[in-house]
Amino acid sequence: MRNNHYKTTITIGIPAYNEEGNIGQLLTSLAKQEFTHVVLSEIIVFSDASTDKTVSIIKNLPMKRVHVIDGNKRRGKSNAMNKIIKATASDILVLLDADILIRDTRMIEKLIGPIVNNKADLTAARVKEYWTKSKFEDILKISMLLKKDIFESFKKGNNIYTCHGRARALSRPLYRSITFNEKVVAEDAYTYLYAVYNKFRYIYTKQAYIHYQLPGTFIDHKKQSVRFIQSYKQLAKEFGDSFIREETRLPKRLAVPFVLKYFMKYPLTLVMYLSILVYMRISSLFKDELTVTWYVSKTTKTAFTK
């Protein structure tokens, strides 16, 4: 039994591939995180054979407890997650994407709170879209706000749609038991499904939030969307069709009121987005985007402007 003076240890893991635009800013924000009930053991950045200045930027930062693993061949995000897990011994593992912005100096502690209090084994932060720079991004942002309203109302937010890959935390029993199938592209959905399937507890930590950048071009959005649509076929092979349907089925009675509300407020925007969505669904039937070394969206990898 732990004594009253014991503090929970955490490791922050960051899979990275060509993240020179934001990795320095992210690590600087992590250095400013405030902890009361936990101790940060280290930050592990796994560079998936980056060809830019990602590794050199990290090594030149005046930060302690940052460990860089420089892969010699690009193998994808799931492989990076497995490497980070093998290098981790803390009570909690926090996994962050390298292209996010953290403003709240208590974000990490809020994210891991349910795990520290033994109420969850897996948590995910709330995502906020960063300010848009084009009409196309405006359309995507409205669609994301609509989906967020629906997802946060489904099972009180504790569902597969809120467990995204941008900011998650895993208890030691969970991260020690999981090995990511390195062929699976949607490793965030894989984490959620593995946890639920194996009776681990998931809680959506709405009070912990991060910012991310929307795709700035139609091509970037298309590749992301088609990859997302196709990824569920992979997950069905891992967990079975019936389990996937059970976890992804949204009740119409829940979704319809939100759709009507947004349609009344943004009629043209919703029509345009639905047209884009139909196009993406059709495209997914003809273009295979399921590769672990997928196309990197350059418009989401730039530095966050103040």
Protein backbone atom coordinates (compact mmCIF):
# COMPACT_ATOMS: atom_id res chain seq x y z
CA MET A 1 0.00 0.00 0.00
CA ARG A 2 1.27 3.45 -0.88
CA ASN A 3 2.04 5.83 1.96
CA ASN A 4 0.50 9.27 2.29
CA HIS A 5 3.63 10.93 0.91
CA TYR A 6 3.65 8.99 -2.36
CA LYS A 7 2.98 11.00 -5.50
CA THR A 8 1.74 9.42 -8.70
CA THR A 9 4.37 9.43 -11.44
CA ILE A 10 3.61 10.28 -15.05
CA THR A 11 5.44 10.04 -18.35
CA ILE A 12 4.45 12.12 -21.35
CA GLY A 13 4.94 10.38 -24.70
CA ILE A 14 4.90 12.23 -28.03
CA PRO A 15 5.03 10.38 -31.37
CA ALA A 16 6.50 12.77 -33.93
CA TYR A 17 7.17 12.82 -37.65
CA ASN A 18 8.49 16.03 -39.23
CA GLU A 19 7.14 18.30 -36.51
CA GLU A 20 9.70 21.10 -36.63
CA GLY A 21 6.92 23.68 -36.93
CA ASN A 22 5.45 23.07 -33.49
CA ILE A 23 7.51 20.64 -31.40
CA GLY A 24 9.50 23.37 -29.68
CA GLN A 25 6.38 25.31 -28.79
CA LEU A 26 4.67 22.17 -27.45
CA LEU A 27 7.61 21.16 -25.25
CA THR A 28 7.90 24.71 -23.92
CA SER A 29 4.23 24.63 -22.93
CA LEU A 30 4.78 21.28 -21.20
CA ALA A 31 7.62 22.82 -19.20
CA LYS A 32 5.06 25.32 -17.86
CA GLN A 33 2.59 22.66 -16.67
CA GLU A 34 1.81 22.85 -12.96
CA PHE A 35 1.50 19.68 -10.88
CA THR A 36 0.20 19.31 -7.34
CA HIS A 37 -0.67 15.66 -6.94
CA VAL A 38 1.73 14.03 -9.41
CA VAL A 39 5.39 14.01 -10.42
CA LEU A 40 6.52 14.24 -14.04
CA SER A 41 9.17 11.56 -14.53
CA GLU A 42 10.11 12.34 -18.12
CA ILE A 43 8.96 13.35 -21.57
CA ILE A 44 9.67 10.81 -24.33
CA VAL A 45 9.58 11.96 -27.93
CA PHE A 46 9.74 9.19 -30.52
CA SER A 47 10.81 10.59 -33.88
CA ASP A 48 9.54 8.29 -36.62
CA ALA A 49 12.61 8.83 -38.80
CA SER A 50 11.90 12.54 -39.20
CA THR A 51 13.70 14.15 -42.13
CA ASP A 52 13.41 17.74 -40.91
CA LYS A 53 14.79 19.54 -37.83
CA THR A 54 12.48 17.86 -35.28
CA VAL A 55 15.24 16.02 -33.41
CA SER A 56 17.76 18.87 -33.43
CA ILE A 57 15.16 21.35 -32.14
CA ILE A 58 14.36 19.03 -29.21
CA LYS A 59 18.00 18.45 -28.35
CA ASN A 60 18.74 22.18 -28.36
CA LEU A 61 15.96 23.04 -25.93
CA PRO A 62 17.17 23.87 -22.39
CA MET A 63 14.87 21.29 -20.82
CA LYS A 64 15.56 18.48 -18.41
CA ARG A 65 13.83 15.09 -18.43
CA VAL A 66 13.27 15.11 -22.21
CA HIS A 67 14.36 11.88 -23.88
CA VAL A 68 14.43 11.52 -27.68
CA ILE A 69 14.22 8.17 -29.45
CA ASP A 70 15.21 8.64 -33.08
CA GLY A 71 13.81 5.87 -35.26
CA ASN A 72 15.89 4.90 -38.29
CA LYS A 73 12.93 3.99 -40.53
CA ARG A 74 9.42 5.39 -40.73
CA ARG A 75 7.03 2.73 -39.41
CA GLY A 76 3.95 4.70 -38.43
CA LYS A 77 2.28 6.01 -35.31
CA SER A 78 1.25 2.66 -33.80
CA ASN A 79 4.86 1.51 -33.83
CA ALA A 80 5.87 4.78 -32.18
CA MET A 81 3.27 4.19 -29.44
CA ASN A 82 4.63 0.71 -28.78
CA LYS A 83 8.19 2.07 -28.51
CA ILE A 84 7.10 4.76 -26.06
CA ILE A 85 5.23 2.20 -23.95
CA LYS A 86 8.30 -0.03 -23.76
CA ALA A 87 10.34 2.92 -22.50
CA THR A 88 7.77 3.83 -19.82
CA ALA A 89 7.59 2.76 -16.18
CA SER A 90 5.38 5.48 -14.65
CA ASP A 91 1.98 5.07 -13.00
CA ILE A 92 0.32 7.00 -15.85
CA LEU A 93 1.28 7.47 -19.48
CA VAL A 94 0.07 10.64 -21.22
CA LEU A 95 0.12 10.48 -25.01
CA LEU A 96 0.10 13.73 -27.00
CA ASP A 97 0.19 14.52 -30.68
CA ALA A 98 3.05 16.84 -31.60
CA ASP A 99 0.88 19.32 -33.52
CA ILE A 100 -1.31 20.60 -30.68
CA LEU A 101 -1.37 23.78 -28.61
CA ILE A 102 -1.71 23.72 -24.81
CA ARG A 103 -2.72 26.95 -23.11
CA ASP A 104 -3.98 25.72 -19.74
CA THR A 105 -1.06 25.17 -17.34
CA ARG A 106 -3.18 22.59 -15.50
CA MET A 107 -4.26 20.65 -18.59
CA ILE A 108 -2.22 17.52 -17.88
CA GLU A 109 -3.33 17.32 -14.25
CA LYS A 110 -6.98 17.73 -15.32
CA LEU A 111 -6.54 15.05 -17.97
CA ILE A 112 -5.16 12.47 -15.58
CA GLY A 113 -7.42 13.36 -12.62
CA PRO A 114 -9.87 10.44 -13.02
CA ILE A 115 -6.96 7.98 -13.25
CA VAL A 116 -5.24 9.42 -10.18
CA ASN A 117 -8.54 9.09 -8.31
CA ASN A 118 -8.95 5.49 -9.49
CA LYS A 119 -12.11 6.24 -11.46
CA ALA A 120 -10.73 5.54 -14.93
CA ASP A 121 -7.96 3.76 -16.84
CA LEU A 122 -8.26 5.85 -20.00
CA THR A 123 -9.08 9.53 -20.46
CA ALA A 124 -9.10 11.97 -23.37
CA ALA A 125 -9.05 15.76 -23.48
CA ARG A 126 -11.56 18.04 -25.19
CA VAL A 127 -10.36 19.45 -28.51
CA LYS A 128 -10.88 23.02 -29.66
CA GLU A 129 -10.44 24.14 -33.24
CA TYR A 130 -7.88 26.92 -33.61
CA TRP A 131 -8.91 30.08 -35.44
CA THR A 132 -9.65 29.58 -39.12
CA LYS A 133 -7.88 31.20 -42.04
CA SER A 134 -10.20 30.40 -44.96
CA LYS A 135 -13.84 29.80 -45.88
CA PHE A 136 -13.09 26.10 -46.29
CA GLU A 137 -11.82 25.92 -42.70
CA ASP A 138 -14.93 27.81 -41.57
CA ILE A 139 -17.07 25.05 -43.07
CA LEU A 140 -15.03 22.36 -41.34
CA LYS A 141 -15.16 24.19 -38.02
CA ILE A 142 -18.98 24.41 -38.03
CA SER A 143 -19.18 20.70 -38.84
CA MET A 144 -16.79 19.90 -35.99
CA LEU A 145 -18.82 21.98 -33.53
CA LEU A 146 -21.95 20.12 -34.58
CA LYS A 147 -20.33 16.74 -34.16
CA LYS A 148 -18.83 17.77 -30.84
CA ASP A 149 -22.29 18.70 -29.49
CA ILE A 150 -23.62 15.31 -30.57
CA PHE A 151 -20.68 13.29 -29.29
CA GLU A 152 -20.60 15.03 -25.91
CA SER A 153 -24.30 14.22 -25.44
CA PHE A 154 -23.86 10.53 -26.28
CA LYS A 155 -23.22 8.43 -23.14
CA LYS A 156 -22.33 11.65 -21.30
CA GLY A 157 -19.35 12.01 -23.60
CA ASN A 158 -17.83 8.67 -22.64
CA ASN A 159 -17.71 7.14 -26.11
CA ILE A 160 -15.41 6.29 -29.00
CA TYR A 161 -15.90 9.64 -30.72
CA THR A 162 -14.40 11.68 -27.88
CA CYS A 163 -11.37 9.40 -27.47
CA HIS A 164 -9.19 11.06 -30.08
CA GLY A 165 -5.44 10.74 -30.46
CA ARG A 166 -4.45 14.30 -29.72
CA ALA A 167 -4.34 14.02 -25.91
CA ARG A 168 -4.96 10.85 -23.90
CA ALA A 169 -3.87 9.32 -20.62
CA LEU A 170 -3.56 5.62 -19.78
CA SER A 171 -3.20 3.88 -16.43
CA ARG A 172 -0.26 1.52 -16.00
CA PRO A 173 -2.46 -1.64 -16.04
CA LEU A 174 -3.93 -0.48 -19.36
CA TYR A 175 -0.76 0.64 -21.15
CA ARG A 176 1.16 -2.42 -19.98
CA SER A 177 -1.49 -4.74 -21.38
CA ILE A 178 -1.97 -3.08 -24.76
CA THR A 179 0.17 -3.66 -27.84
CA PHE A 180 -0.91 -1.69 -30.87
CA ASN A 181 -1.39 -3.60 -34.07
CA GLU A 182 1.10 -1.70 -36.19
CA LYS A 183 -1.03 -2.08 -39.32
CA VAL A 184 -3.96 -0.28 -37.69
CA VAL A 185 -4.20 3.37 -38.72
CA ALA A 186 -6.85 4.61 -36.24
CA GLU A 187 -4.81 3.95 -33.12
CA ASP A 188 -6.96 6.33 -31.05
CA ALA A 189 -10.15 4.34 -31.77
CA TYR A 190 -8.11 1.17 -31.22
CA THR A 191 -7.17 2.39 -27.73
CA TYR A 192 -10.80 3.03 -26.80
CA LEU A 193 -12.07 -0.26 -28.22
CA TYR A 194 -9.31 -2.25 -26.57
CA ALA A 195 -10.04 -0.61 -23.22
CA VAL A 196 -13.82 -1.17 -23.36
CA TYR A 197 -13.48 -4.69 -24.78
CA ASN A 198 -11.16 -5.64 -21.92
CA LYS A 199 -13.28 -3.99 -19.19
CA PHE A 200 -11.08 -0.96 -18.56
CA ARG A 201 -12.84 2.32 -17.73
CA TYR A 202 -12.94 5.37 -19.98
CA ILE A 203 -13.82 8.93 -18.94
CA TYR A 204 -13.94 11.97 -21.21
CA THR A 205 -12.26 14.85 -19.37
CA LYS A 206 -14.09 17.83 -20.82
CA GLN A 207 -12.39 20.27 -18.45
CA ALA A 208 -8.98 19.46 -19.98
CA TYR A 209 -8.66 20.94 -23.44
CA ILE A 210 -6.15 21.44 -26.23
CA HIS A 211 -6.20 23.30 -29.55
CA TYR A 212 -5.52 21.84 -32.97
CA GLN A 213 -5.45 23.18 -36.52
CA LEU A 214 -7.99 22.15 -39.13
CA PRO A 215 -6.82 21.04 -42.59
CA GLY A 216 -6.37 24.15 -44.68
CA THR A 217 -6.89 22.57 -48.08
CA PHE A 218 -9.45 20.27 -49.65
CA ILE A 219 -6.74 17.69 -50.48
CA ASP A 220 -5.50 17.54 -46.88
CA HIS A 221 -9.06 17.12 -45.60
CA LYS A 222 -9.85 14.48 -48.20
CA LYS A 223 -6.90 12.29 -47.27
CA GLN A 224 -7.70 12.54 -43.55
CA SER A 225 -11.40 11.85 -44.03
CA VAL A 226 -10.99 8.92 -46.39
CA ARG A 227 -8.42 7.39 -44.06
CA PHE A 228 -10.85 7.79 -41.13
CA ILE A 229 -13.75 6.20 -43.05
CA GLN A 230 -11.68 3.24 -44.18
CA SER A 231 -10.08 2.66 -40.78
CA TYR A 232 -13.21 1.09 -39.31
CA LYS A 233 -12.81 -1.92 -41.58
CA GLN A 234 -9.46 -2.59 -39.92
CA LEU A 235 -10.96 -2.21 -36.46
CA ALA A 236 -13.78 -4.62 -37.30
CA LYS A 237 -11.19 -7.28 -38.08
CA GLU A 238 -9.67 -6.74 -34.64
CA PHE A 239 -12.82 -6.53 -32.51
CA GLY A 240 -15.68 -7.85 -34.65
CA ASP A 241 -18.44 -6.10 -36.60
CA SER A 242 -21.08 -6.34 -33.87
CA PHE A 243 -18.85 -4.74 -31.23
CA ILE A 244 -17.87 -1.93 -33.59
CA ARG A 245 -21.52 -1.27 -34.47
CA GLU A 246 -22.47 -1.24 -30.80
CA GLU A 247 -19.81 1.31 -29.92
CA THR A 248 -20.27 3.58 -32.96
CA ARG A 249 -24.06 3.65 -33.39
CA LEU A 250 -25.44 7.10 -32.58
CA PRO A 251 -29.17 7.29 -31.70
CA LYS A 252 -31.06 9.36 -34.27
CA ARG A 253 -33.21 10.89 -31.53
CA LEU A 254 -30.02 12.35 -30.08
CA ALA A 255 -28.42 13.57 -33.32
CA VAL A 256 -31.44 14.99 -35.17
CA PRO A 257 -32.17 17.93 -32.81
CA PHE A 258 -28.56 19.13 -33.07
CA VAL A 259 -28.56 18.79 -36.87
CA LEU A 260 -31.77 20.81 -37.11
CA LYS A 261 -30.41 23.45 -34.75
CA TYR A 262 -27.24 23.92 -36.81
CA PHE A 263 -29.14 23.79 -40.09
CA MET A 264 -31.38 26.64 -38.93
CA LYS A 265 -28.33 28.68 -37.94
CA TYR A 266 -25.91 27.73 -40.76
CA PRO A 267 -28.05 26.38 -43.65
CA LEU A 268 -25.62 27.00 -46.50
CA THR A 269 -22.60 25.82 -44.51
CA LEU A 270 -24.32 22.54 -43.56
CA VAL A 271 -25.38 21.87 -47.14
CA MET A 272 -21.82 22.47 -48.33
CA TYR A 273 -20.37 20.20 -45.65
CA LEU A 274 -22.86 17.41 -46.40
CA SER A 275 -21.85 17.63 -50.04
CA ILE A 276 -18.20 17.30 -49.02
CA LEU A 277 -19.04 14.35 -46.76
CA VAL A 278 -20.88 12.51 -49.55
CA TYR A 279 -17.91 13.06 -51.84
CA MET A 280 -15.55 11.66 -49.19
CA ARG A 281 -17.73 8.57 -48.74
CA ILE A 282 -17.68 7.91 -52.47
CA SER A 283 -13.93 8.57 -52.66
CA SER A 284 -13.30 6.02 -49.91
CA LEU A 285 -14.65 3.32 -52.24
CA PHE A 286 -11.97 3.95 -54.84
CA LYS A 287 -8.85 5.36 -53.16
CA ASP A 288 -7.01 3.38 -50.49
CA GLU A 289 -5.51 5.65 -47.81
CA LEU A 290 -4.88 2.87 -45.27
CA THR A 291 -1.14 3.03 -44.89
CA VAL A 292 0.69 3.44 -41.58
CA THR A 293 3.07 5.89 -43.24
CA TRP A 294 0.24 8.07 -44.43
CA TYR A 295 0.37 11.41 -46.22
CA VAL A 296 1.17 14.17 -43.73
CA SER A 297 -1.10 17.21 -43.83
CA LYS A 298 1.25 20.18 -44.09
CA THR A 299 -1.47 22.69 -43.24
CA THR A 300 -1.94 21.22 -39.75
CA LYS A 301 1.78 21.06 -38.95
CA THR A 302 2.63 24.75 -38.98
CA ALA A 303 3.37 26.77 -35.85
CA PHE A 304 0.40 28.27 -34.03
CA THR A 305 0.34 32.00 -34.63
CA LYS A 306 -0.54 34.19 -31.67
